[in-house]
Amino acid sequence: MAELKFEITEHIAILSESPKGWTKELNLISWNGREPKYDIRDWAPNHEKMGKGVTISKEELEKLKEVLASL
């Protein structure tokens, strides 16, 4: 499996924290040197490990904002 490279270019928010210290975060992340995208996932303390998450474009984030506002 190829090495996954990432850079958190902007930390936006911590959405929640588990009893084990992991945090669910919204960040702007560049994956493998690509254009940064918005990303929601669980992170271990100090970002040494990550859980599964979802990565979305700015357009998808704007659409999600509209949908959430209508709830």
PDB file of N, CA and C in Angstrom:
ATOM      1  N   MET A   1       0.845  -1.181   0.000  1.00  0.00           N
ATOM      2  CA  MET A   1       0.000   0.000   0.000  1.00  0.00           C
ATOM      3  C   MET A   1       0.891   1.245   0.000  1.00  0.00           C
ATOM      4  N   ALA A   2       0.566   2.208  -0.839  1.00  0.00           N
ATOM      5  CA  ALA A   2       1.342   3.446  -0.929  1.00  0.00           C
ATOM      6  C   ALA A   2       1.165   4.282   0.341  1.00  0.00           C
ATOM      7  N   GLU A   3       2.218   5.013   0.671  1.00  0.00           N
ATOM      8  CA  GLU A   3       2.161   5.873   1.849  1.00  0.00           C
ATOM      9  C   GLU A   3       1.206   7.039   1.603  1.00  0.00           C
ATOM     10  N   LEU A   4       0.376   7.317   2.580  1.00  0.00           N
ATOM     11  CA  LEU A   4      -0.580   8.415   2.510  1.00  0.00           C
ATOM     12  C   LEU A   4       0.052   9.639   3.149  1.00  0.00           C
ATOM     13  N   LYS A   5       0.184  10.715   2.364  1.00  0.00           N
ATOM     14  CA  LYS A   5       0.755  11.949   2.895  1.00  0.00           C
ATOM     15  C   LYS A   5      -0.354  12.979   3.030  1.00  0.00           C
ATOM     16  N   PHE A   6      -0.311  13.720   4.138  1.00  0.00           N
ATOM     17  CA  PHE A   6      -1.320  14.747   4.346  1.00  0.00           C
ATOM     18  C   PHE A   6      -0.714  15.914   5.083  1.00  0.00           C
ATOM     19  N   GLU A   7      -1.333  17.073   4.877  1.00  0.00           N
ATOM     20  CA  GLU A   7      -0.948  18.276   5.611  1.00  0.00           C
ATOM     21  C   GLU A   7      -2.228  18.992   6.014  1.00  0.00           C
ATOM     22  N   ILE A   8      -2.407  19.204   7.303  1.00  0.00           N
ATOM     23  CA  ILE A   8      -3.549  19.988   7.776  1.00  0.00           C
ATOM     24  C   ILE A   8      -3.187  21.448   7.535  1.00  0.00           C
ATOM     25  N   THR A   9      -3.810  22.047   6.527  1.00  0.00           N
ATOM     26  CA  THR A   9      -3.477  23.428   6.172  1.00  0.00           C
ATOM     27  C   THR A   9      -4.246  24.434   7.014  1.00  0.00           C
ATOM     28  N   GLU A  10      -5.418  24.008   7.536  1.00  0.00           N
ATOM     29  CA  GLU A  10      -6.192  24.879   8.421  1.00  0.00           C
ATOM     30  C   GLU A  10      -7.045  24.031   9.353  1.00  0.00           C
ATOM     31  N   HIS A  11      -6.871  24.230  10.646  1.00  0.00           N
ATOM     32  CA  HIS A  11      -7.725  23.581  11.646  1.00  0.00           C
ATOM     33  C   HIS A  11      -8.932  24.497  11.841  1.00  0.00           C
ATOM     34  N   ILE A  12     -10.123  23.974  11.569  1.00  0.00           N
ATOM     35  CA  ILE A  12     -11.323  24.803  11.623  1.00  0.00           C
ATOM     36  C   ILE A  12     -12.079  24.626  12.943  1.00  0.00           C
ATOM     37  N   ALA A  13     -12.342  23.370  13.337  1.00  0.00           N
ATOM     38  CA  ALA A  13     -13.124  23.168  14.559  1.00  0.00           C
ATOM     39  C   ALA A  13     -12.996  21.747  15.079  1.00  0.00           C
ATOM     40  N   ILE A  14     -13.126  21.612  16.398  1.00  0.00           N
ATOM     41  CA  ILE A  14     -13.318  20.310  17.027  1.00  0.00           C
ATOM     42  C   ILE A  14     -14.817  20.165  17.227  1.00  0.00           C
ATOM     43  N   LEU A  15     -15.396  19.110  16.664  1.00  0.00           N
ATOM     44  CA  LEU A  15     -16.842  18.895  16.732  1.00  0.00           C
ATOM     45  C   LEU A  15     -17.239  18.111  17.973  1.00  0.00           C
ATOM     46  N   SER A  16     -16.371  17.196  18.416  1.00  0.00           N
ATOM     47  CA  SER A  16     -16.642  16.424  19.630  1.00  0.00           C
ATOM     48  C   SER A  16     -15.353  15.765  20.097  1.00  0.00           C
ATOM     49  N   GLU A  17     -15.401  15.214  21.318  1.00  0.00           N
ATOM     50  CA  GLU A  17     -14.252  14.506  21.868  1.00  0.00           C
ATOM     51  C   GLU A  17     -14.742  13.241  22.554  1.00  0.00           C
ATOM     52  N   SER A  18     -14.049  12.134  22.312  1.00  0.00           N
ATOM     53  CA  SER A  18     -14.423  10.855  22.923  1.00  0.00           C
ATOM     54  C   SER A  18     -13.763  10.719  24.288  1.00  0.00           C
ATOM     55  N   PRO A  19     -14.259   9.807  25.110  1.00  0.00           N
ATOM     56  CA  PRO A  19     -13.636   9.578  26.417  1.00  0.00           C
ATOM     57  C   PRO A  19     -12.167   9.138  26.313  1.00  0.00           C
ATOM     58  N   LYS A  20     -11.778   8.556  25.173  1.00  0.00           N
ATOM     59  CA  LYS A  20     -10.390   8.113  24.980  1.00  0.00           C
ATOM     60  C   LYS A  20      -9.481   9.238  24.502  1.00  0.00           C
ATOM     61  N   GLY A  21     -10.043  10.442  24.313  1.00  0.00           N
ATOM     62  CA  GLY A  21      -9.228  11.583  23.913  1.00  0.00           C
ATOM     63  C   GLY A  21      -9.184  11.862  22.425  1.00  0.00           C
ATOM     64  N   TRP A  22      -9.807  11.008  21.624  1.00  0.00           N
ATOM     65  CA  TRP A  22      -9.868  11.259  20.182  1.00  0.00           C
ATOM     66  C   TRP A  22     -10.850  12.401  19.933  1.00  0.00           C
ATOM     67  N   THR A  23     -10.572  13.213  18.916  1.00  0.00           N
ATOM     68  CA  THR A  23     -11.458  14.321  18.581  1.00  0.00           C
ATOM     69  C   THR A  23     -11.970  14.173  17.150  1.00  0.00           C
ATOM     70  N   LYS A  24     -13.235  14.524  16.965  1.00  0.00           N
ATOM     71  CA  LYS A  24     -13.812  14.601  15.615  1.00  0.00           C
ATOM     72  C   LYS A  24     -13.619  16.041  15.188  1.00  0.00           C
ATOM     73  N   GLU A  25     -12.915  16.243  14.054  1.00  0.00           N
ATOM     74  CA  GLU A  25     -12.522  17.585  13.646  1.00  0.00           C
ATOM     75  C   GLU A  25     -12.932  17.906  12.218  1.00  0.00           C
ATOM     76  N   LEU A  26     -13.155  19.190  11.987  1.00  0.00           N
ATOM     77  CA  LEU A  26     -13.313  19.725  10.642  1.00  0.00           C
ATOM     78  C   LEU A  26     -12.032  20.485  10.339  1.00  0.00           C
ATOM     79  N   ASN A  27     -11.324  20.037   9.297  1.00  0.00           N
ATOM     80  CA  ASN A  27     -10.063  20.647   8.899  1.00  0.00           C
ATOM     81  C   ASN A  27     -10.022  20.825   7.390  1.00  0.00           C
ATOM     82  N   LEU A  28      -9.119  21.664   6.948  1.00  0.00           N
ATOM     83  CA  LEU A  28      -8.789  21.792   5.537  1.00  0.00           C
ATOM     84  C   LEU A  28      -7.481  21.025   5.369  1.00  0.00           C
ATOM     85  N   ILE A  29      -7.498  19.963   4.533  1.00  0.00           N
ATOM     86  CA  ILE A  29      -6.350  19.065   4.431  1.00  0.00           C
ATOM     87  C   ILE A  29      -5.943  18.885   2.974  1.00  0.00           C
ATOM     88  N   SER A  30      -4.631  18.928   2.755  1.00  0.00           N
ATOM     89  CA  SER A  30      -4.060  18.593   1.454  1.00  0.00           C
ATOM     90  C   SER A  30      -3.628  17.130   1.519  1.00  0.00           C
ATOM     91  N   TRP A  31      -4.213  16.288   0.673  1.00  0.00           N
ATOM     92  CA  TRP A  31      -3.874  14.869   0.619  1.00  0.00           C
ATOM     93  C   TRP A  31      -2.931  14.631  -0.549  1.00  0.00           C
ATOM     94  N   ASN A  32      -1.771  14.054  -0.269  1.00  0.00           N
ATOM     95  CA  ASN A  32      -0.775  13.711  -1.298  1.00  0.00           C
ATOM     96  C   ASN A  32      -0.421  14.901  -2.180  1.00  0.00           C
ATOM     97  N   GLY A  33      -0.300  16.088  -1.584  1.00  0.00           N
ATOM     98  CA  GLY A  33       0.126  17.277  -2.314  1.00  0.00           C
ATOM     99  C   GLY A  33      -0.938  17.919  -3.188  1.00  0.00           C
ATOM    100  N   ARG A  34      -2.155  17.441  -3.108  1.00  0.00           N
ATOM    101  CA  ARG A  34      -3.241  18.007  -3.927  1.00  0.00           C
ATOM    102  C   ARG A  34      -3.831  19.244  -3.268  1.00  0.00           C
ATOM    103  N   GLU A  35      -4.734  19.883  -3.999  1.00  0.00           N
ATOM    104  CA  GLU A  35      -5.460  21.051  -3.499  1.00  0.00           C
ATOM    105  C   GLU A  35      -6.174  20.679  -2.194  1.00  0.00           C
ATOM    106  N   PRO A  36      -6.090  21.510  -1.155  1.00  0.00           N
ATOM    107  CA  PRO A  36      -6.761  21.188   0.107  1.00  0.00           C
ATOM    108  C   PRO A  36      -8.277  21.080  -0.054  1.00  0.00           C
ATOM    109  N   LYS A  37      -8.862  20.131   0.700  1.00  0.00           N
ATOM    110  CA  LYS A  37     -10.304  19.938   0.741  1.00  0.00           C
ATOM    111  C   LYS A  37     -10.743  19.885   2.193  1.00  0.00           C
ATOM    112  N   TYR A  38     -12.034  20.108   2.408  1.00  0.00           N
ATOM    113  CA  TYR A  38     -12.599  20.036   3.748  1.00  0.00           C
ATOM    114  C   TYR A  38     -12.711  18.577   4.154  1.00  0.00           C
ATOM    115  N   ASP A  39     -12.431  18.304   5.413  1.00  0.00           N
ATOM    116  CA  ASP A  39     -12.332  16.932   5.876  1.00  0.00           C
ATOM    117  C   ASP A  39     -12.893  16.817   7.287  1.00  0.00           C
ATOM    118  N   ILE A  40     -13.764  15.830   7.498  1.00  0.00           N
ATOM    119  CA  ILE A  40     -14.304  15.535   8.829  1.00  0.00           C
ATOM    120  C   ILE A  40     -13.882  14.109   9.162  1.00  0.00           C
ATOM    121  N   ARG A  41     -13.140  13.960  10.276  1.00  0.00           N
ATOM    122  CA  ARG A  41     -12.724  12.632  10.709  1.00  0.00           C
ATOM    123  C   ARG A  41     -12.268  12.664  12.155  1.00  0.00           C
ATOM    124  N   ASP A  42     -12.113  11.473  12.737  1.00  0.00           N
ATOM    125  CA  ASP A  42     -11.601  11.333  14.095  1.00  0.00           C
ATOM    126  C   ASP A  42     -10.079  11.331  14.070  1.00  0.00           C
ATOM    127  N   TRP A  43      -9.501  11.993  15.068  1.00  0.00           N
ATOM    128  CA  TRP A  43      -8.045  12.071  15.208  1.00  0.00           C
ATOM    129  C   TRP A  43      -7.644  11.685  16.619  1.00  0.00           C
ATOM    130  N   ALA A  44      -6.563  10.917  16.708  1.00  0.00           N
ATOM    131  CA  ALA A  44      -5.961  10.621  18.006  1.00  0.00           C
ATOM    132  C   ALA A  44      -5.261  11.885  18.491  1.00  0.00           C
ATOM    133  N   PRO A  45      -4.966  11.952  19.794  1.00  0.00           N
ATOM    134  CA  PRO A  45      -4.217  13.114  20.286  1.00  0.00           C
ATOM    135  C   PRO A  45      -2.927  13.299  19.483  1.00  0.00           C
ATOM    136  N   ASN A  46      -2.575  14.555  19.224  1.00  0.00           N
ATOM    137  CA  ASN A  46      -1.382  14.933  18.447  1.00  0.00           C
ATOM    138  C   ASN A  46      -1.426  14.496  16.984  1.00  0.00           C
ATOM    139  N   HIS A  47      -2.597  14.048  16.514  1.00  0.00           N
ATOM    140  CA  HIS A  47      -2.795  13.662  15.115  1.00  0.00           C
ATOM    141  C   HIS A  47      -1.855  12.555  14.651  1.00  0.00           C
ATOM    142  N   GLU A  48      -1.455  11.643  15.576  1.00  0.00           N
ATOM    143  CA  GLU A  48      -0.566  10.560  15.172  1.00  0.00           C
ATOM    144  C   GLU A  48      -1.324   9.420  14.485  1.00  0.00           C
ATOM    145  N   LYS A  49      -2.640   9.328  14.713  1.00  0.00           N
ATOM    146  CA  LYS A  49      -3.481   8.333  14.042  1.00  0.00           C
ATOM    147  C   LYS A  49      -4.783   9.007  13.652  1.00  0.00           C
ATOM    148  N   MET A  50      -5.443   8.441  12.632  1.00  0.00           N
ATOM    149  CA  MET A  50      -6.718   8.983  12.186  1.00  0.00           C
ATOM    150  C   MET A  50      -7.702   7.855  11.941  1.00  0.00           C
ATOM    151  N   GLY A  51      -8.978   8.193  12.067  1.00  0.00           N
ATOM    152  CA  GLY A  51     -10.037   7.255  11.742  1.00  0.00           C
ATOM    153  C   GLY A  51     -10.552   7.523  10.340  1.00  0.00           C
ATOM    154  N   LYS A  52     -11.534   6.744   9.939  1.00  0.00           N
ATOM    155  CA  LYS A  52     -12.161   6.972   8.637  1.00  0.00           C
ATOM    156  C   LYS A  52     -12.911   8.292   8.680  1.00  0.00           C
ATOM    157  N   GLY A  53     -12.992   8.937   7.543  1.00  0.00           N
ATOM    158  CA  GLY A  53     -13.667  10.214   7.490  1.00  0.00           C
ATOM    159  C   GLY A  53     -14.250  10.476   6.117  1.00  0.00           C
ATOM    160  N   VAL A  54     -14.646  11.713   5.927  1.00  0.00           N
ATOM    161  CA  VAL A  54     -15.194  12.137   4.641  1.00  0.00           C
ATOM    162  C   VAL A  54     -14.490  13.426   4.228  1.00  0.00           C
ATOM    163  N   THR A  55     -14.119  13.479   2.960  1.00  0.00           N
ATOM    164  CA  THR A  55     -13.449  14.644   2.394  1.00  0.00           C
ATOM    165  C   THR A  55     -14.354  15.225   1.320  1.00  0.00           C
ATOM    166  N   ILE A  56     -14.604  16.536   1.402  1.00  0.00           N
ATOM    167  CA  ILE A  56     -15.523  17.170   0.453  1.00  0.00           C
ATOM    168  C   ILE A  56     -14.945  18.474  -0.080  1.00  0.00           C
ATOM    169  N   SER A  57     -15.395  18.837  -1.262  1.00  0.00           N
ATOM    170  CA  SER A  57     -14.957  20.083  -1.899  1.00  0.00           C
ATOM    171  C   SER A  57     -15.687  21.274  -1.282  1.00  0.00           C
ATOM    172  N   LYS A  58     -15.258  22.472  -1.624  1.00  0.00           N
ATOM    173  CA  LYS A  58     -15.927  23.681  -1.135  1.00  0.00           C
ATOM    174  C   LYS A  58     -17.377  23.715  -1.616  1.00  0.00           C
ATOM    175  N   GLU A  59     -17.617  23.310  -2.856  1.00  0.00           N
ATOM    176  CA  GLU A  59     -18.980  23.303  -3.405  1.00  0.00           C
ATOM    177  C   GLU A  59     -19.864  22.325  -2.630  1.00  0.00           C
ATOM    178  N   GLU A  60     -19.321  21.145  -2.294  1.00  0.00           N
ATOM    179  CA  GLU A  60     -20.083  20.167  -1.520  1.00  0.00           C
ATOM    180  C   GLU A  60     -20.344  20.674  -0.108  1.00  0.00           C
ATOM    181  N   LEU A  61     -19.378  21.373   0.467  1.00  0.00           N
ATOM    182  CA  LEU A  61     -19.554  21.951   1.797  1.00  0.00           C
ATOM    183  C   LEU A  61     -20.664  22.994   1.794  1.00  0.00           C
ATOM    184  N   GLU A  62     -20.698  23.827   0.757  1.00  0.00           N
ATOM    185  CA  GLU A  62     -21.749  24.846   0.644  1.00  0.00           C
ATOM    186  C   GLU A  62     -23.122  24.196   0.505  1.00  0.00           C
ATOM    187  N   LYS A  63     -23.210  23.122  -0.274  1.00  0.00           N
ATOM    188  CA  LYS A  63     -24.474  22.401  -0.425  1.00  0.00           C
ATOM    189  C   LYS A  63     -24.898  21.777   0.901  1.00  0.00           C
ATOM    190  N   LEU A  64     -23.944  21.188   1.624  1.00  0.00           N
ATOM    191  CA  LEU A  64     -24.229  20.611   2.934  1.00  0.00           C
ATOM    192  C   LEU A  64     -24.739  21.678   3.896  1.00  0.00           C
ATOM    193  N   LYS A  65     -24.141  22.861   3.837  1.00  0.00           N
ATOM    194  CA  LYS A  65     -24.594  23.971   4.690  1.00  0.00           C
ATOM    195  C   LYS A  65     -26.046  24.322   4.398  1.00  0.00           C
ATOM    196  N   GLU A  66     -26.415  24.370   3.123  1.00  0.00           N
ATOM    197  CA  GLU A  66     -27.802  24.646   2.736  1.00  0.00           C
ATOM    198  C   GLU A  66     -28.745  23.589   3.279  1.00  0.00           C
ATOM    199  N   VAL A  67     -28.360  22.328   3.125  1.00  0.00           N
ATOM    200  CA  VAL A  67     -29.198  21.225   3.581  1.00  0.00           C
ATOM    201  C   VAL A  67     -29.373  21.282   5.087  1.00  0.00           C
ATOM    202  N   LEU A  68     -28.293  21.503   5.831  1.00  0.00           N
ATOM    203  CA  LEU A  68     -28.380  21.582   7.291  1.00  0.00           C
ATOM    204  C   LEU A  68     -29.219  22.775   7.749  1.00  0.00           C
ATOM    205  N   ALA A  69     -29.120  23.885   7.047  1.00  0.00           N
ATOM    206  CA  ALA A  69     -29.902  25.068   7.405  1.00  0.00           C
ATOM    207  C   ALA A  69     -31.387  24.829   7.201  1.00  0.00           C
ATOM    208  N   SER A  70     -31.739  23.953   6.291  1.00  0.00           N
ATOM    209  CA  SER A  70     -33.155  23.692   6.018  1.00  0.00           C
ATOM    210  C   SER A  70     -33.773  22.686   6.997  1.00  0.00           C
ATOM    211  N   LEU A  71     -32.963  22.046   7.819  1.00  0.00           N
ATOM    212  CA  LEU A  71     -33.493  21.053   8.785  1.00  0.00           C
ATOM    213  C   LEU A  71     -34.191  21.721   9.947  1.00  0.00           C
TER     214      LEU A  71
END
